[in-house]
Each structure stands twice: as C-alpha cells, then as structure tokens.
C-alpha cells in the first residue's frame, strides 16, 4: 500500500466496492467491550440519574425560582 492520500483512496475504493456490510472492529476485545457495553451503560445511567433527580425536585418543589 501507499502512504498518505493514496492509501485513503485505496481504502475508500475497497470499502465502497463491497456489497456486504462492513464492520470495523478494533484488535483488542476489551476495548471493543468497553466501547459497546460499558460506555452506553454509563451514559444511560447518567441520564436516568438526571431524570430521577428532576422528578424528585418537581415532586418536592426544591430548586424553585421565586
């Protein structure tokens, strides 16, 4: 393979010529697991925490601006 822009063009041609789905995975399975399971789980947990806190504040009336 070449380097620089030529390498990018070769890879683009390779991926665009394929009629199947292309799944790009890293070489380290622990990193793949971290990216596909742990990160979305933590984001969901953070969102759920914010929703529960907001609902509690609505119920109790805390944090109201007067």
Foldseek 3Di string as FASTA:
>chain_A
DDDDPVVVVVVVVVVVVDPDDDDDDDPDVVVVCCVPPVVVVVVVVVVVVVVVVVVVCVVVVPPDDD
